[in-house]
């Protein structure tokens, strides 16, 4: 049992593949439009139940209860050496290198 007021994540299919715009790339048209949202559970529920949450921005969202106390685990992708080199070169071009930081 997940208690009312718990911080949770829900999932919902916003549009099935056949409901999506025809103005999309072919690979995108083939899959549903999905939503994952985090918020506070408005009523007690079980994992897998359709529940309603209230997000930090006060939106009311319904979806399948997936996780309790979800964390934020986004990142900016894997390390790319070329991007590191760009940053070093840019510092030198703009400010004359590390000596002028």
Foldseek 3Di string as FASTA:
>chain_A
DAAFFFKFKFKDFPAALVRDDPPDPPVSSHGTDMDMAIATWHGDDDQQDWGWGQHPVRDIDTGGTHGTPDDDDDDDDDDDVVVVVVVQVVCCVPQNGDVRD
